[in-house]
Amino acid sequence: MNVSKESIWHFTCDHCMGFWSVATMDEWQPKDLYCTHCGKQNTNEWCSCGHKVIECDCKAGCKCGCRKQFLNA
């Protein structure tokens, strides 16, 4: 048997409020994306742990990766 799993990410454009989705594998983290409606660039400021990257309070050793440059994780 061959089994696979995917995650579906949903996005809303900061510029035109258009909505789109992307199906990916679990390891993918969205960074800079272009809106499928207006074509303008959008930047993801949220970590997989649910915090804004600049506000993340993760501890050293956390696997989310949002601040590993500061935590030596």
PDB file of N, CA and C in Angstrom:
ATOM      1  N   MET A   1       0.852  -1.166   0.000  1.00  0.00           N
ATOM      2  CA  MET A   1       0.000   0.000   0.000  1.00  0.00           C
ATOM      3  C   MET A   1       0.906   1.240   0.000  1.00  0.00           C
ATOM      4  N   ASN A   2       0.541   2.231  -0.763  1.00  0.00           N
ATOM      5  CA  ASN A   2       1.243   3.510  -0.803  1.00  0.00           C
ATOM      6  C   ASN A   2       0.355   4.554  -0.130  1.00  0.00           C
ATOM      7  N   VAL A   3       0.888   5.239   0.870  1.00  0.00           N
ATOM      8  CA  VAL A   3       0.114   6.216   1.629  1.00  0.00           C
ATOM      9  C   VAL A   3       0.842   7.559   1.595  1.00  0.00           C
ATOM     10  N   SER A   4       0.099   8.625   1.452  1.00  0.00           N
ATOM     11  CA  SER A   4       0.688   9.965   1.535  1.00  0.00           C
ATOM     12  C   SER A   4      -0.256  10.875   2.303  1.00  0.00           C
ATOM     13  N   LYS A   5       0.290  11.978   2.787  1.00  0.00           N
ATOM     14  CA  LYS A   5      -0.481  12.929   3.579  1.00  0.00           C
ATOM     15  C   LYS A   5      -0.144  14.325   3.079  1.00  0.00           C
ATOM     16  N   GLU A   6      -1.110  15.229   3.112  1.00  0.00           N
ATOM     17  CA  GLU A   6      -0.843  16.605   2.726  1.00  0.00           C
ATOM     18  C   GLU A   6      -1.546  17.560   3.681  1.00  0.00           C
ATOM     19  N   SER A   7      -1.018  18.769   3.740  1.00  0.00           N
ATOM     20  CA  SER A   7      -1.642  19.844   4.508  1.00  0.00           C
ATOM     21  C   SER A   7      -2.175  20.857   3.508  1.00  0.00           C
ATOM     22  N   ILE A   8      -3.281  21.490   3.852  1.00  0.00           N
ATOM     23  CA  ILE A   8      -3.836  22.522   2.985  1.00  0.00           C
ATOM     24  C   ILE A   8      -3.742  23.858   3.715  1.00  0.00           C
ATOM     25  N   TRP A   9      -3.016  24.782   3.107  1.00  0.00           N
ATOM     26  CA  TRP A   9      -2.846  26.128   3.641  1.00  0.00           C
ATOM     27  C   TRP A   9      -3.828  27.045   2.925  1.00  0.00           C
ATOM     28  N   HIS A  10      -4.445  27.949   3.672  1.00  0.00           N
ATOM     29  CA  HIS A  10      -5.381  28.918   3.110  1.00  0.00           C
ATOM     30  C   HIS A  10      -4.814  30.321   3.327  1.00  0.00           C
ATOM     31  N   PHE A  11      -4.872  31.148   2.291  1.00  0.00           N
ATOM     32  CA  PHE A  11      -4.286  32.484   2.329  1.00  0.00           C
ATOM     33  C   PHE A  11      -5.300  33.529   1.901  1.00  0.00           C
ATOM     34  N   THR A  12      -5.189  34.728   2.472  1.00  0.00           N
ATOM     35  CA  THR A  12      -5.964  35.886   2.058  1.00  0.00           C
ATOM     36  C   THR A  12      -4.965  36.997   1.740  1.00  0.00           C
ATOM     37  N   CYS A  13      -5.060  37.554   0.554  1.00  0.00           N
ATOM     38  CA  CYS A  13      -4.134  38.589   0.098  1.00  0.00           C
ATOM     39  C   CYS A  13      -4.293  39.860   0.935  1.00  0.00           C
ATOM     40  N   ASP A  14      -3.162  40.436   1.352  1.00  0.00           N
ATOM     41  CA  ASP A  14      -3.174  41.693   2.101  1.00  0.00           C
ATOM     42  C   ASP A  14      -3.610  42.873   1.236  1.00  0.00           C
ATOM     43  N   HIS A  15      -3.523  42.729  -0.086  1.00  0.00           N
ATOM     44  CA  HIS A  15      -3.774  43.843  -0.999  1.00  0.00           C
ATOM     45  C   HIS A  15      -5.198  43.843  -1.556  1.00  0.00           C
ATOM     46  N   CYS A  16      -5.648  42.698  -2.093  1.00  0.00           N
ATOM     47  CA  CYS A  16      -6.968  42.651  -2.746  1.00  0.00           C
ATOM     48  C   CYS A  16      -7.991  41.821  -1.972  1.00  0.00           C
ATOM     49  N   MET A  17      -7.550  41.174  -0.867  1.00  0.00           N
ATOM     50  CA  MET A  17      -8.391  40.309  -0.039  1.00  0.00           C
ATOM     51  C   MET A  17      -8.856  39.051  -0.778  1.00  0.00           C
ATOM     52  N   GLY A  18      -8.219  38.731  -1.913  1.00  0.00           N
ATOM     53  CA  GLY A  18      -8.514  37.482  -2.615  1.00  0.00           C
ATOM     54  C   GLY A  18      -8.073  36.296  -1.775  1.00  0.00           C
ATOM     55  N   PHE A  19      -8.736  35.155  -1.961  1.00  0.00           N
ATOM     56  CA  PHE A  19      -8.511  33.958  -1.158  1.00  0.00           C
ATOM     57  C   PHE A  19      -8.010  32.848  -2.064  1.00  0.00           C
ATOM     58  N   TRP A  20      -6.994  32.091  -1.608  1.00  0.00           N
ATOM     59  CA  TRP A  20      -6.531  30.923  -2.347  1.00  0.00           C
ATOM     60  C   TRP A  20      -5.951  29.902  -1.384  1.00  0.00           C
ATOM     61  N   SER A  21      -5.739  28.688  -1.867  1.00  0.00           N
ATOM     62  CA  SER A  21      -5.229  27.585  -1.052  1.00  0.00           C
ATOM     63  C   SER A  21      -4.082  26.893  -1.761  1.00  0.00           C
ATOM     64  N   VAL A  22      -3.203  26.277  -0.955  1.00  0.00           N
ATOM     65  CA  VAL A  22      -2.083  25.504  -1.479  1.00  0.00           C
ATOM     66  C   VAL A  22      -2.016  24.203  -0.686  1.00  0.00           C
ATOM     67  N   ALA A  23      -1.988  23.077  -1.375  1.00  0.00           N
ATOM     68  CA  ALA A  23      -1.830  21.776  -0.723  1.00  0.00           C
ATOM     69  C   ALA A  23      -0.356  21.389  -0.791  1.00  0.00           C
ATOM     70  N   THR A  24       0.236  21.047   0.367  1.00  0.00           N
ATOM     71  CA  THR A  24       1.668  20.744   0.433  1.00  0.00           C
ATOM     72  C   THR A  24       1.930  19.610   1.410  1.00  0.00           C
ATOM     73  N   MET A  25       3.192  19.266   1.523  1.00  0.00           N
ATOM     74  CA  MET A  25       3.623  18.306   2.525  1.00  0.00           C
ATOM     75  C   MET A  25       3.802  19.053   3.850  1.00  0.00           C
ATOM     76  N   ASP A  26       3.875  18.340   4.953  1.00  0.00           N
ATOM     77  CA  ASP A  26       3.924  18.942   6.290  1.00  0.00           C
ATOM     78  C   ASP A  26       5.124  19.856   6.510  1.00  0.00           C
ATOM     79  N   GLU A  27       6.255  19.580   5.883  1.00  0.00           N
ATOM     80  CA  GLU A  27       7.480  20.319   6.158  1.00  0.00           C
ATOM     81  C   GLU A  27       7.496  21.720   5.544  1.00  0.00           C
ATOM     82  N   TRP A  28       6.623  22.018   4.589  1.00  0.00           N
ATOM     83  CA  TRP A  28       6.654  23.295   3.889  1.00  0.00           C
ATOM     84  C   TRP A  28       6.194  24.428   4.786  1.00  0.00           C
ATOM     85  N   GLN A  29       6.917  25.536   4.767  1.00  0.00           N
ATOM     86  CA  GLN A  29       6.543  26.731   5.512  1.00  0.00           C
ATOM     87  C   GLN A  29       6.430  27.889   4.521  1.00  0.00           C
ATOM     88  N   PRO A  30       5.258  28.477   4.371  1.00  0.00           N
ATOM     89  CA  PRO A  30       5.115  29.586   3.422  1.00  0.00           C
ATOM     90  C   PRO A  30       5.877  30.817   3.893  1.00  0.00           C
ATOM     91  N   LYS A  31       6.554  31.463   2.963  1.00  0.00           N
ATOM     92  CA  LYS A  31       7.292  32.691   3.276  1.00  0.00           C
ATOM     93  C   LYS A  31       6.742  33.810   2.411  1.00  0.00           C
ATOM     94  N   ASP A  32       7.310  34.002   1.232  1.00  0.00           N
ATOM     95  CA  ASP A  32       6.841  35.030   0.300  1.00  0.00           C
ATOM     96  C   ASP A  32       6.014  34.367  -0.790  1.00  0.00           C
ATOM     97  N   LEU A  33       4.758  34.776  -0.910  1.00  0.00           N
ATOM     98  CA  LEU A  33       3.851  34.208  -1.897  1.00  0.00           C
ATOM     99  C   LEU A  33       3.254  35.329  -2.738  1.00  0.00           C
ATOM    100  N   TYR A  34       2.890  35.004  -3.965  1.00  0.00           N
ATOM    101  CA  TYR A  34       2.234  35.958  -4.843  1.00  0.00           C
ATOM    102  C   TYR A  34       0.759  35.602  -4.953  1.00  0.00           C
ATOM    103  N   CYS A  35      -0.082  36.602  -4.828  1.00  0.00           N
ATOM    104  CA  CYS A  35      -1.518  36.402  -4.893  1.00  0.00           C
ATOM    105  C   CYS A  35      -1.911  35.859  -6.257  1.00  0.00           C
ATOM    106  N   THR A  36      -2.777  34.865  -6.261  1.00  0.00           N
ATOM    107  CA  THR A  36      -3.248  34.282  -7.518  1.00  0.00           C
ATOM    108  C   THR A  36      -4.286  35.161  -8.202  1.00  0.00           C
ATOM    109  N   HIS A  37      -4.747  36.211  -7.527  1.00  0.00           N
ATOM    110  CA  HIS A  37      -5.752  37.115  -8.097  1.00  0.00           C
ATOM    111  C   HIS A  37      -5.131  38.404  -8.628  1.00  0.00           C
ATOM    112  N   CYS A  38      -4.372  39.117  -7.776  1.00  0.00           N
ATOM    113  CA  CYS A  38      -3.807  40.410  -8.201  1.00  0.00           C
ATOM    114  C   CYS A  38      -2.330  40.330  -8.537  1.00  0.00           C
ATOM    115  N   GLY A  39      -1.652  39.254  -8.153  1.00  0.00           N
ATOM    116  CA  GLY A  39      -0.240  39.069  -8.477  1.00  0.00           C
ATOM    117  C   GLY A  39       0.732  39.767  -7.540  1.00  0.00           C
ATOM    118  N   LYS A  40       0.251  40.454  -6.523  1.00  0.00           N
ATOM    119  CA  LYS A  40       1.146  41.168  -5.615  1.00  0.00           C
ATOM    120  C   LYS A  40       1.746  40.206  -4.586  1.00  0.00           C
ATOM    121  N   GLN A  41       2.953  40.551  -4.144  1.00  0.00           N
ATOM    122  CA  GLN A  41       3.664  39.713  -3.184  1.00  0.00           C
ATOM    123  C   GLN A  41       3.098  39.892  -1.778  1.00  0.00           C
ATOM    124  N   ASN A  42       2.953  38.775  -1.074  1.00  0.00           N
ATOM    125  CA  ASN A  42       2.523  38.742   0.320  1.00  0.00           C
ATOM    126  C   ASN A  42       3.604  38.014   1.120  1.00  0.00           C
ATOM    127  N   THR A  43       3.878  38.460   2.333  1.00  0.00           N
ATOM    128  CA  THR A  43       4.888  37.844   3.187  1.00  0.00           C
ATOM    129  C   THR A  43       4.217  37.264   4.421  1.00  0.00           C
ATOM    130  N   ASN A  44       4.533  36.005   4.702  1.00  0.00           N
ATOM    131  CA  ASN A  44       3.991  35.332   5.880  1.00  0.00           C
ATOM    132  C   ASN A  44       4.827  35.711   7.095  1.00  0.00           C
ATOM    133  N   GLU A  45       4.197  36.286   8.111  1.00  0.00           N
ATOM    134  CA  GLU A  45       4.884  36.691   9.333  1.00  0.00           C
ATOM    135  C   GLU A  45       4.600  35.741  10.489  1.00  0.00           C
ATOM    136  N   TRP A  46       3.920  34.621  10.224  1.00  0.00           N
ATOM    137  CA  TRP A  46       3.526  33.715  11.295  1.00  0.00           C
ATOM    138  C   TRP A  46       4.360  32.448  11.262  1.00  0.00           C
ATOM    139  N   CYS A  47       4.747  31.990  12.415  1.00  0.00           N
ATOM    140  CA  CYS A  47       5.488  30.744  12.559  1.00  0.00           C
ATOM    141  C   CYS A  47       4.500  29.579  12.650  1.00  0.00           C
ATOM    142  N   SER A  48       4.990  28.390  12.403  1.00  0.00           N
ATOM    143  CA  SER A  48       4.140  27.200  12.519  1.00  0.00           C
ATOM    144  C   SER A  48       3.653  26.974  13.947  1.00  0.00           C
ATOM    145  N   CYS A  49       4.310  27.608  14.934  1.00  0.00           N
ATOM    146  CA  CYS A  49       3.886  27.441  16.330  1.00  0.00           C
ATOM    147  C   CYS A  49       2.721  28.361  16.671  1.00  0.00           C
ATOM    148  N   GLY A  50       2.338  29.272  15.753  1.00  0.00           N
ATOM    149  CA  GLY A  50       1.201  30.137  15.985  1.00  0.00           C
ATOM    150  C   GLY A  50       1.531  31.544  16.437  1.00  0.00           C
ATOM    151  N   HIS A  51       2.802  31.846  16.645  1.00  0.00           N
ATOM    152  CA  HIS A  51       3.222  33.185  17.039  1.00  0.00           C
ATOM    153  C   HIS A  51       3.701  33.968  15.824  1.00  0.00           C
ATOM    154  N   LYS A  52       3.639  35.304  15.907  1.00  0.00           N
ATOM    155  CA  LYS A  52       4.333  36.116  14.913  1.00  0.00           C
ATOM    156  C   LYS A  52       5.820  35.877  15.131  1.00  0.00           C
ATOM    157  N   VAL A  53       6.584  35.786  14.041  1.00  0.00           N
ATOM    158  CA  VAL A  53       7.997  35.448  14.163  1.00  0.00           C
ATOM    159  C   VAL A  53       8.722  36.401  15.111  1.00  0.00           C
ATOM    160  N   ILE A  54       8.439  37.695  15.042  1.00  0.00           N
ATOM    161  CA  ILE A  54       9.154  38.643  15.885  1.00  0.00           C
ATOM    162  C   ILE A  54       8.684  38.624  17.338  1.00  0.00           C
ATOM    163  N   GLU A  55       7.554  37.990  17.627  1.00  0.00           N
ATOM    164  CA  GLU A  55       7.017  37.932  18.989  1.00  0.00           C
ATOM    165  C   GLU A  55       7.112  36.546  19.608  1.00  0.00           C
ATOM    166  N   CYS A  56       7.674  35.605  18.898  1.00  0.00           N
ATOM    167  CA  CYS A  56       7.655  34.217  19.353  1.00  0.00           C
ATOM    168  C   CYS A  56       8.378  34.060  20.688  1.00  0.00           C
ATOM    169  N   ASP A  57       7.739  33.325  21.605  1.00  0.00           N
ATOM    170  CA  ASP A  57       8.332  33.101  22.919  1.00  0.00           C
ATOM    171  C   ASP A  57       8.778  31.652  23.084  1.00  0.00           C
ATOM    172  N   CYS A  58       9.123  31.010  21.965  1.00  0.00           N
ATOM    173  CA  CYS A  58       9.588  29.621  22.027  1.00  0.00           C
ATOM    174  C   CYS A  58      10.869  29.524  22.845  1.00  0.00           C
ATOM    175  N   LYS A  59      11.072  28.392  23.447  1.00  0.00           N
ATOM    176  CA  LYS A  59      12.249  28.144  24.269  1.00  0.00           C
ATOM    177  C   LYS A  59      13.327  27.453  23.434  1.00  0.00           C
ATOM    178  N   ALA A  60      14.549  27.507  23.896  1.00  0.00           N
ATOM    179  CA  ALA A  60      15.650  26.833  23.212  1.00  0.00           C
ATOM    180  C   ALA A  60      15.316  25.354  23.041  1.00  0.00           C
ATOM    181  N   GLY A  61      15.593  24.824  21.880  1.00  0.00           N
ATOM    182  CA  GLY A  61      15.296  23.435  21.583  1.00  0.00           C
ATOM    183  C   GLY A  61      13.964  23.232  20.887  1.00  0.00           C
ATOM    184  N   CYS A  62      13.160  24.267  20.782  1.00  0.00           N
ATOM    185  CA  CYS A  62      11.874  24.166  20.095  1.00  0.00           C
ATOM    186  C   CYS A  62      12.112  23.792  18.643  1.00  0.00           C
ATOM    187  N   LYS A  63      11.285  22.951  18.091  1.00  0.00           N
ATOM    188  CA  LYS A  63      11.451  22.471  16.720  1.00  0.00           C
ATOM    189  C   LYS A  63      10.742  23.326  15.679  1.00  0.00           C
ATOM    190  N   CYS A  64      10.028  24.376  16.092  1.00  0.00           N
ATOM    191  CA  CYS A  64       9.273  25.153  15.104  1.00  0.00           C
ATOM    192  C   CYS A  64      10.192  25.949  14.188  1.00  0.00           C
ATOM    193  N   GLY A  65      11.365  26.366  14.667  1.00  0.00           N
ATOM    194  CA  GLY A  65      12.354  27.007  13.822  1.00  0.00           C
ATOM    195  C   GLY A  65      12.189  28.494  13.608  1.00  0.00           C
ATOM    196  N   CYS A  66      11.215  29.120  14.222  1.00  0.00           N
ATOM    197  CA  CYS A  66      10.959  30.521  13.922  1.00  0.00           C
ATOM    198  C   CYS A  66      12.058  31.450  14.434  1.00  0.00           C
ATOM    199  N   ARG A  67      12.732  31.082  15.506  1.00  0.00           N
ATOM    200  CA  ARG A  67      13.775  31.959  16.052  1.00  0.00           C
ATOM    201  C   ARG A  67      15.058  31.201  16.306  1.00  0.00           C
ATOM    202  N   LYS A  68      15.330  30.151  15.568  1.00  0.00           N
ATOM    203  CA  LYS A  68      16.507  29.359  15.882  1.00  0.00           C
ATOM    204  C   LYS A  68      17.803  30.128  15.690  1.00  0.00           C
ATOM    205  N   GLN A  69      17.785  31.209  14.900  1.00  0.00           N
ATOM    206  CA  GLN A  69      18.998  32.002  14.774  1.00  0.00           C
ATOM    207  C   GLN A  69      19.349  32.684  16.093  1.00  0.00           C
ATOM    208  N   PHE A  70      18.360  32.863  16.985  1.00  0.00           N
ATOM    209  CA  PHE A  70      18.595  33.485  18.272  1.00  0.00           C
ATOM    210  C   PHE A  70      18.714  32.465  19.401  1.00  0.00           C
ATOM    211  N   LEU A  71      18.143  31.281  19.212  1.00  0.00           N
ATOM    212  CA  LEU A  71      18.069  30.303  20.296  1.00  0.00           C
ATOM    213  C   LEU A  71      19.084  29.177  20.184  1.00  0.00           C
ATOM    214  N   ASN A  72      19.885  29.167  19.121  1.00  0.00           N
ATOM    215  CA  ASN A  72      20.849  28.087  18.879  1.00  0.00           C
ATOM    216  C   ASN A  72      20.178  26.719  18.863  1.00  0.00           C
ATOM    217  N   ALA A  73      18.959  26.660  18.358  1.00  0.00           N
ATOM    218  CA  ALA A  73      18.227  25.393  18.304  1.00  0.00           C
ATOM    219  C   ALA A  73      18.515  24.666  17.015  1.00  0.00           C
TER     220      ALA A  73
END
